[in-house]
């Protein structure tokens, strides 16, 4: 099954910022996007289920600080953030 990866308006702004300020993160972001299209919960891909206010969301590491935060709304994967660490920029 192929999943559709959608980006919220905030996540789209984050991608623009990554292109301008953090171009070294683009290959990793592209790899994460490809993984999400294949299977957002495949074992061994390093995703983490989040707790608290972000319960129902998952994250994947872009680098030591930045995370891709997303939720699954079958058959879509909705990316809500690409910069910062769970909402802290």
Protein backbone atom coordinates (compact mmCIF):
# COMPACT_ATOMS: atom_id res chain seq x y z
CA UNK A 1 0.00 0.00 0.00
CA UNK A 2 1.24 3.47 -0.84
CA UNK A 3 0.37 6.24 1.57
CA UNK A 4 -0.28 9.85 0.60
CA UNK A 5 1.93 12.28 2.51
CA UNK A 6 0.28 15.65 3.11
CA UNK A 7 1.95 18.70 4.68
CA UNK A 8 0.03 21.19 6.81
CA UNK A 9 0.52 24.90 6.09
CA UNK A 10 2.95 25.12 9.02
CA UNK A 11 4.92 22.12 7.77
CA UNK A 12 5.09 23.66 4.29
CA UNK A 13 6.61 26.79 5.85
CA UNK A 14 9.10 24.56 7.67
CA UNK A 15 10.12 22.93 4.37
CA UNK A 16 10.71 26.38 2.84
CA UNK A 17 12.87 27.31 5.84
CA UNK A 18 14.82 24.06 5.51
CA UNK A 19 15.50 24.83 1.84
CA UNK A 20 16.81 28.30 2.73
CA UNK A 21 18.57 27.85 6.09
CA UNK A 22 19.23 24.11 6.45
CA UNK A 23 19.79 22.67 2.95
CA UNK A 24 21.91 19.89 4.45
CA UNK A 25 18.66 18.44 5.91
CA UNK A 26 16.95 18.08 2.50
CA UNK A 27 18.31 14.58 1.72
CA UNK A 28 17.15 13.29 5.11
CA UNK A 29 13.74 14.95 4.70
CA UNK A 30 13.36 13.33 1.28
CA UNK A 31 14.29 9.93 2.73
CA UNK A 32 11.73 10.32 5.53
CA UNK A 33 9.08 11.37 3.02
CA UNK A 34 9.80 8.22 0.95
CA UNK A 35 9.61 6.03 4.07
CA UNK A 36 6.28 7.59 5.05
CA UNK A 37 4.89 6.87 1.57
CA UNK A 38 5.84 3.21 1.89
CA UNK A 39 4.83 2.51 5.50
CA UNK A 40 4.74 5.15 8.26
CA UNK A 41 5.00 2.47 10.96
CA UNK A 42 7.46 0.00 9.44
CA UNK A 43 9.63 -1.65 12.10
CA UNK A 44 13.23 -0.51 12.31
CA UNK A 45 12.72 2.93 10.77
CA UNK A 46 13.32 4.87 13.96
CA UNK A 47 9.96 6.48 14.57
CA UNK A 48 8.65 7.24 18.04
CA UNK A 49 5.07 7.53 19.27
CA UNK A 50 4.61 10.80 21.14
CA UNK A 51 2.83 11.32 24.45
CA UNK A 52 0.90 14.06 26.21
CA UNK A 53 -0.41 16.89 24.04
CA UNK A 54 1.03 15.13 20.98
CA UNK A 55 -0.55 11.77 21.70
CA UNK A 56 -1.49 10.13 18.39
CA UNK A 57 1.49 11.71 16.65
CA UNK A 58 4.83 10.17 15.70
CA UNK A 59 8.26 11.66 15.13
CA UNK A 60 11.34 10.88 13.09
CA UNK A 61 14.71 12.50 13.58
CA UNK A 62 16.07 14.90 10.95
CA UNK A 63 19.17 15.69 13.02
CA UNK A 64 20.04 16.00 16.70
CA UNK A 65 17.45 18.75 17.23
CA UNK A 66 14.94 18.83 14.37
CA UNK A 67 12.14 16.28 14.06
CA UNK A 68 9.45 15.47 11.52
CA UNK A 69 6.18 15.17 13.47
CA UNK A 70 3.24 13.47 11.78
CA UNK A 71 -0.04 11.72 12.40
CA UNK A 72 -1.70 8.90 10.52
CA UNK A 73 -5.14 9.48 9.05
CA UNK A 74 -5.64 6.45 6.83
CA UNK A 75 -4.88 6.46 3.92
CA UNK A 76 -2.93 9.68 4.52
CA UNK A 77 0.07 10.65 6.59
CA UNK A 78 -0.19 14.29 7.71
CA UNK A 79 3.12 16.01 8.48
CA UNK A 80 2.50 18.77 11.02
CA UNK A 81 6.05 19.98 11.68
CA UNK A 82 9.54 19.61 10.21
CA UNK A 83 11.61 21.96 12.36
CA UNK A 84 12.32 22.17 16.02
CA UNK A 85 11.95 19.60 18.74
CA UNK A 86 8.24 18.87 19.28
CA UNK A 87 7.14 22.45 18.78
CA UNK A 88 10.23 24.24 20.16
CA UNK A 89 12.03 26.08 17.33
